[in-house]
Amino acid sequence: MSKENTATAEKTKENKKVYRKMVSQFGIQGIEFDSAQDYLGVMMHDEEFTLEDFKKRVYFCALSKLIIKDSSAEEVWNSCRPYTAAECIKKFSNNESRLSVAFKYIGPDKALEQLKGELVSEQKLVKKQKKLALQNPDIKSLMSRHNKERLPADAFKKEDVEYEDVYKLFKIPKETYHKVGMTRMDIDTYVVECICPSKGDHFFLYVPAHEVEQCRTAFGAIAWTMKKPDGSSMTIEEWKSIEEEQ
């Protein structure tokens, strides 16, 4: 390339504007929803979320205003209601992140009750971890986040802490889907639920238990969702060996 062409290319690159992707305010915990209706269908399960909260999201975001077009925030709010768990599955079945957020706001117990979920398998994995603890527990009440960092290393000790990871496998009957118009669902589906021991969050993943025998127990189902470098699923033994090392 000639010097003249190189200079032209560099100038074009300099003049090229970089546009940031427009993101609306219809996101929940970092997961973006496509419409105000979907957003409110989930957020209305939060009793503390009000019309005023919704207005703030719309009025301070140009893209959110564009999404609701000529309607006012009040009109959109009044036209919406909380989605049921079955409606969430129908709308978000192709997006596990949205579905997990929706189930979290509905409440896992309530969601599974609405879905007529039948508990097929429940298994617990006991883990041990080394955690720092004070040599003298009595001074804990006198500590703050700031002075904790000033304590000498010998003020702490390492001790074993035991906790449980809980996994549950549920069967959701095909009739549940038919009631919301998902007539293409001609088989029961299976969902594995895992509970974060530290935060108590619930996560849900679909597994093909009707096809894969390993997915018919809670451990087998969660192990199947974990992939090895070659793309194949982990066995229960492979998954356990990794979990027990953490």
Protein backbone atom coordinates (compact mmCIF):
# COMPACT_ATOMS: atom_id res chain seq x y z
CA MET A 1 0.00 0.00 0.00
CA SER A 2 1.34 3.46 -0.93
CA LYS A 3 2.08 6.10 1.69
CA GLU A 4 -0.87 8.13 0.35
CA ASN A 5 -3.30 5.21 0.71
CA THR A 6 -1.94 4.40 4.16
CA ALA A 7 -2.42 7.99 5.30
CA THR A 8 -5.99 8.01 3.92
CA ALA A 9 -6.82 4.74 5.71
CA GLU A 10 -5.45 6.04 9.01
CA LYS A 11 -7.40 9.29 8.68
CA THR A 12 -10.60 7.35 7.95
CA LYS A 13 -9.99 5.23 11.04
CA GLU A 14 -9.49 8.34 13.16
CA ASN A 15 -12.70 9.94 11.86
CA LYS A 16 -14.76 6.79 12.34
CA LYS A 17 -17.18 7.28 15.21
CA VAL A 18 -17.56 4.60 17.81
CA TYR A 19 -21.11 4.19 19.02
CA ARG A 20 -21.97 2.56 22.31
CA LYS A 21 -24.73 0.01 22.31
CA MET A 22 -27.94 1.57 23.59
CA VAL A 23 -29.25 -0.23 26.63
CA SER A 24 -32.66 0.43 28.13
CA GLN A 25 -33.45 0.50 31.80
CA PHE A 26 -35.49 -2.69 31.52
CA GLY A 27 -32.72 -4.80 33.01
CA ILE A 28 -32.90 -6.84 36.22
CA GLN A 29 -29.68 -7.87 37.95
CA GLY A 30 -27.73 -7.24 34.76
CA ILE A 31 -30.12 -9.23 32.55
CA GLU A 32 -31.88 -7.16 29.87
CA PHE A 33 -35.55 -7.78 29.03
CA ASP A 34 -37.05 -6.96 25.63
CA SER A 35 -40.09 -4.98 26.70
CA ALA A 36 -41.60 -3.00 29.53
CA GLN A 37 -44.28 -5.70 29.79
CA ASP A 38 -41.72 -8.47 30.34
CA TYR A 39 -39.78 -6.29 32.76
CA LEU A 40 -42.88 -5.48 34.83
CA GLY A 41 -44.12 -9.07 34.60
CA VAL A 42 -41.09 -10.00 36.69
CA MET A 43 -40.54 -6.87 38.80
CA MET A 44 -44.15 -6.68 39.99
CA HIS A 45 -43.39 -9.72 42.13
CA ASP A 46 -41.26 -7.36 44.24
CA GLU A 47 -43.73 -5.80 46.69
CA GLU A 48 -41.40 -2.84 47.26
CA PHE A 49 -41.22 -1.94 43.56
CA THR A 50 -43.63 0.93 42.84
CA LEU A 51 -44.95 2.96 39.94
CA GLU A 52 -42.60 5.76 40.99
CA ASP A 53 -39.64 3.39 40.68
CA PHE A 54 -40.79 2.45 37.19
CA LYS A 55 -41.21 6.11 36.19
CA LYS A 56 -37.63 6.86 37.20
CA ARG A 57 -36.34 4.11 34.95
CA VAL A 58 -38.36 5.33 31.97
CA TYR A 59 -37.90 9.08 32.34
CA PHE A 60 -34.13 8.92 32.64
CA CYS A 61 -33.50 6.66 29.64
CA ALA A 62 -34.20 7.66 26.04
CA LEU A 63 -34.31 4.07 24.80
CA SER A 64 -36.82 3.08 27.48
CA LYS A 65 -39.04 5.97 26.38
CA LEU A 66 -38.74 4.76 22.80
CA ILE A 67 -39.71 1.22 23.79
CA ILE A 68 -42.98 2.29 25.45
CA LYS A 69 -43.52 4.78 22.57
CA ASP A 70 -46.56 7.03 23.06
CA SER A 71 -47.87 5.36 26.18
CA SER A 72 -47.32 6.94 29.56
CA ALA A 73 -45.58 5.05 32.33
CA GLU A 74 -48.93 4.92 34.18
CA GLU A 75 -50.68 3.35 31.19
CA VAL A 76 -48.02 0.68 30.81
CA TRP A 77 -48.01 -0.02 34.56
CA ASN A 78 -51.80 -0.36 34.73
CA SER A 79 -51.88 -2.67 31.71
CA CYS A 80 -49.39 -5.13 33.26
CA ARG A 81 -49.57 -7.77 35.96
CA PRO A 82 -47.06 -10.22 37.45
CA TYR A 83 -46.34 -13.19 35.19
CA THR A 84 -47.05 -16.66 36.46
CA ALA A 85 -44.24 -19.21 36.46
CA ALA A 86 -45.79 -20.97 33.44
CA GLU A 87 -45.97 -17.67 31.52
CA CYS A 88 -42.30 -17.05 32.32
CA ILE A 89 -41.39 -20.44 30.89
CA LYS A 90 -43.37 -19.70 27.73
CA LYS A 91 -41.72 -16.30 27.28
CA PHE A 92 -38.18 -17.03 28.46
CA SER A 93 -37.66 -20.71 27.65
CA ASN A 94 -34.93 -19.78 25.15
CA ASN A 95 -33.05 -17.63 27.68
CA GLU A 96 -32.00 -19.36 30.90
CA SER A 97 -30.66 -16.13 32.44
CA ARG A 98 -34.02 -14.39 32.13
CA LEU A 99 -35.85 -17.45 33.38
CA SER A 100 -33.61 -17.75 36.46
CA VAL A 101 -34.15 -14.08 37.31
CA ALA A 102 -37.91 -14.48 36.88
CA PHE A 103 -38.02 -17.55 39.12
CA LYS A 104 -35.97 -15.72 41.74
CA TYR A 105 -38.50 -12.87 41.87
CA ILE A 106 -41.52 -15.18 41.88
CA GLY A 107 -39.86 -17.26 44.58
CA PRO A 108 -38.65 -20.79 43.83
CA ASP A 109 -41.17 -22.51 46.10
CA LYS A 110 -44.08 -20.54 44.64
CA ALA A 111 -42.84 -21.06 41.08
CA LEU A 112 -42.59 -24.82 41.46
CA GLU A 113 -45.98 -24.95 43.18
CA GLN A 114 -47.55 -23.12 40.21
CA LEU A 115 -45.81 -25.47 37.79
CA LYS A 116 -47.03 -28.55 39.66
CA GLY A 117 -43.40 -29.59 39.97
CA GLU A 118 -42.87 -33.04 41.44
CA LEU A 119 -39.68 -33.59 43.42
CA VAL A 120 -37.95 -36.58 41.81
CA SER A 121 -34.57 -36.51 43.55
CA GLU A 122 -32.90 -34.47 46.29
CA GLN A 123 -29.20 -34.91 47.13
CA LYS A 124 -26.75 -33.00 49.29
CA LEU A 125 -23.01 -32.64 48.91
CA VAL A 126 -21.18 -31.99 52.19
CA LYS A 127 -18.16 -29.73 51.80
CA LYS A 128 -15.44 -28.47 54.08
CA GLN A 129 -13.51 -25.26 53.70
CA LYS A 130 -10.75 -23.55 55.63
CA LYS A 131 -11.90 -20.14 56.84
CA LEU A 132 -10.29 -17.49 58.99
CA ALA A 133 -11.70 -17.00 62.47
CA LEU A 134 -10.66 -14.85 65.41
CA GLN A 135 -8.49 -16.45 68.05
CA ASN A 136 -10.52 -14.53 70.63
CA PRO A 137 -14.20 -14.41 69.56
CA ASP A 138 -15.00 -11.91 72.34
CA ILE A 139 -13.42 -9.02 70.44
CA LYS A 140 -15.65 -9.50 67.40
CA SER A 141 -18.23 -7.04 68.75
CA LEU A 142 -15.54 -4.34 68.96
CA MET A 143 -14.40 -4.74 65.37
CA SER A 144 -15.33 -2.85 62.24
CA ARG A 145 -14.42 -3.40 58.63
CA HIS A 146 -11.59 -0.90 59.01
CA ASN A 147 -9.85 -2.06 62.18
CA LYS A 148 -10.14 -5.72 61.14
CA GLU A 149 -7.44 -5.05 58.56
CA ARG A 150 -5.11 -3.69 61.27
CA LEU A 151 -5.14 -6.82 63.41
CA PRO A 152 -1.95 -8.88 63.34
CA ALA A 153 -1.95 -12.18 61.48
CA ASP A 154 -1.66 -14.17 64.73
CA ALA A 155 -5.03 -12.76 65.86
CA PHE A 156 -6.64 -15.20 63.44
CA LYS A 157 -6.75 -18.94 63.06
CA LYS A 158 -7.88 -21.28 60.32
CA GLU A 159 -10.71 -23.64 61.08
CA ASP A 160 -12.78 -26.14 59.11
CA VAL A 161 -16.26 -25.01 58.22
CA GLU A 162 -18.74 -27.61 57.01
CA TYR A 163 -21.70 -26.78 54.81
CA GLU A 164 -24.07 -28.47 52.36
CA ASP A 165 -24.76 -27.87 48.69
CA VAL A 166 -28.35 -28.92 47.97
CA TYR A 167 -29.53 -30.11 44.56
CA LYS A 168 -33.11 -30.97 43.62
CA LEU A 169 -34.53 -32.50 40.45
CA PHE A 170 -38.15 -31.70 39.57
CA LYS A 171 -40.47 -33.08 36.94
CA ILE A 172 -42.90 -30.59 35.38
CA PRO A 173 -45.85 -32.28 33.65
CA LYS A 174 -46.58 -31.44 30.03
CA GLU A 175 -50.13 -30.42 31.02
CA THR A 176 -48.65 -27.37 32.76
CA TYR A 177 -47.39 -26.09 29.43
CA HIS A 178 -50.59 -26.91 27.57
CA LYS A 179 -52.53 -24.62 29.91
CA VAL A 180 -50.55 -21.62 28.66
CA GLY A 181 -50.78 -22.60 25.01
CA MET A 182 -47.45 -24.44 24.67
CA THR A 183 -49.08 -27.41 22.97
CA ARG A 184 -45.80 -28.33 21.22
CA MET A 185 -44.57 -29.63 24.60
CA ASP A 186 -45.60 -33.25 24.28
CA ILE A 187 -43.34 -34.61 27.05
CA ASP A 188 -42.77 -33.88 30.72
CA THR A 189 -39.72 -31.71 31.36
CA TYR A 190 -37.13 -31.84 34.13
CA VAL A 191 -35.48 -28.99 36.00
CA VAL A 192 -32.51 -29.27 38.33
CA GLU A 193 -32.36 -26.68 41.10
CA CYS A 194 -29.14 -25.79 42.87
CA ILE A 195 -29.02 -23.60 45.97
CA CYS A 196 -26.05 -21.34 46.70
CA PRO A 197 -25.10 -22.03 50.35
CA SER A 198 -23.62 -18.58 50.96
CA LYS A 199 -26.35 -16.34 49.50
CA GLY A 200 -29.30 -18.72 49.39
CA ASP A 201 -29.91 -17.98 45.69
CA HIS A 202 -31.72 -20.62 43.63
CA PHE A 203 -30.67 -21.52 40.09
CA PHE A 204 -32.68 -23.62 37.64
CA LEU A 205 -31.46 -25.53 34.58
CA TYR A 206 -33.36 -27.76 32.19
CA VAL A 207 -32.01 -31.27 31.70
CA PRO A 208 -33.06 -34.02 29.23
CA ALA A 209 -33.94 -36.66 31.82
CA HIS A 210 -36.34 -38.32 29.38
CA GLU A 211 -33.37 -39.04 27.08
CA VAL A 212 -30.25 -39.17 29.27
CA GLU A 213 -30.29 -41.69 32.11
CA GLN A 214 -27.64 -39.78 34.10
CA CYS A 215 -30.05 -36.83 34.42
CA ARG A 216 -32.54 -38.84 36.48
CA THR A 217 -30.88 -38.01 39.78
CA ALA A 218 -30.07 -34.58 41.18
CA PHE A 219 -26.29 -35.17 41.18
CA GLY A 220 -26.36 -36.71 37.73
CA ALA A 221 -28.42 -33.83 36.35
CA ILE A 222 -26.18 -31.06 37.68
CA ALA A 223 -23.06 -32.95 36.56
CA TRP A 224 -24.52 -33.26 33.06
CA THR A 225 -24.80 -29.45 32.83
CA MET A 226 -21.04 -29.11 33.43
CA LYS A 227 -19.01 -29.41 30.25
CA LYS A 228 -15.46 -30.68 29.75
CA PRO A 229 -13.01 -29.00 27.32
CA ASP A 230 -14.06 -31.40 24.55
CA GLY A 231 -17.70 -30.36 24.97
CA SER A 232 -18.91 -33.59 26.55
CA SER A 233 -20.75 -33.64 29.87
CA MET A 234 -19.10 -34.57 33.13
CA THR A 235 -19.88 -37.81 34.92
CA ILE A 236 -21.02 -37.66 38.53
CA GLU A 237 -17.58 -38.79 39.69
CA GLU A 238 -15.78 -36.12 37.63
CA TRP A 239 -18.09 -33.38 38.89
CA LYS A 240 -17.79 -34.51 42.51
CA SER A 241 -14.00 -34.54 42.38
CA ILE A 242 -13.99 -30.89 41.29
CA GLU A 243 -16.64 -29.80 43.79
CA GLU A 244 -14.95 -31.49 46.74
CA GLU A 245 -11.67 -29.72 45.97
CA GLN A 246 -13.24 -26.27 46.23
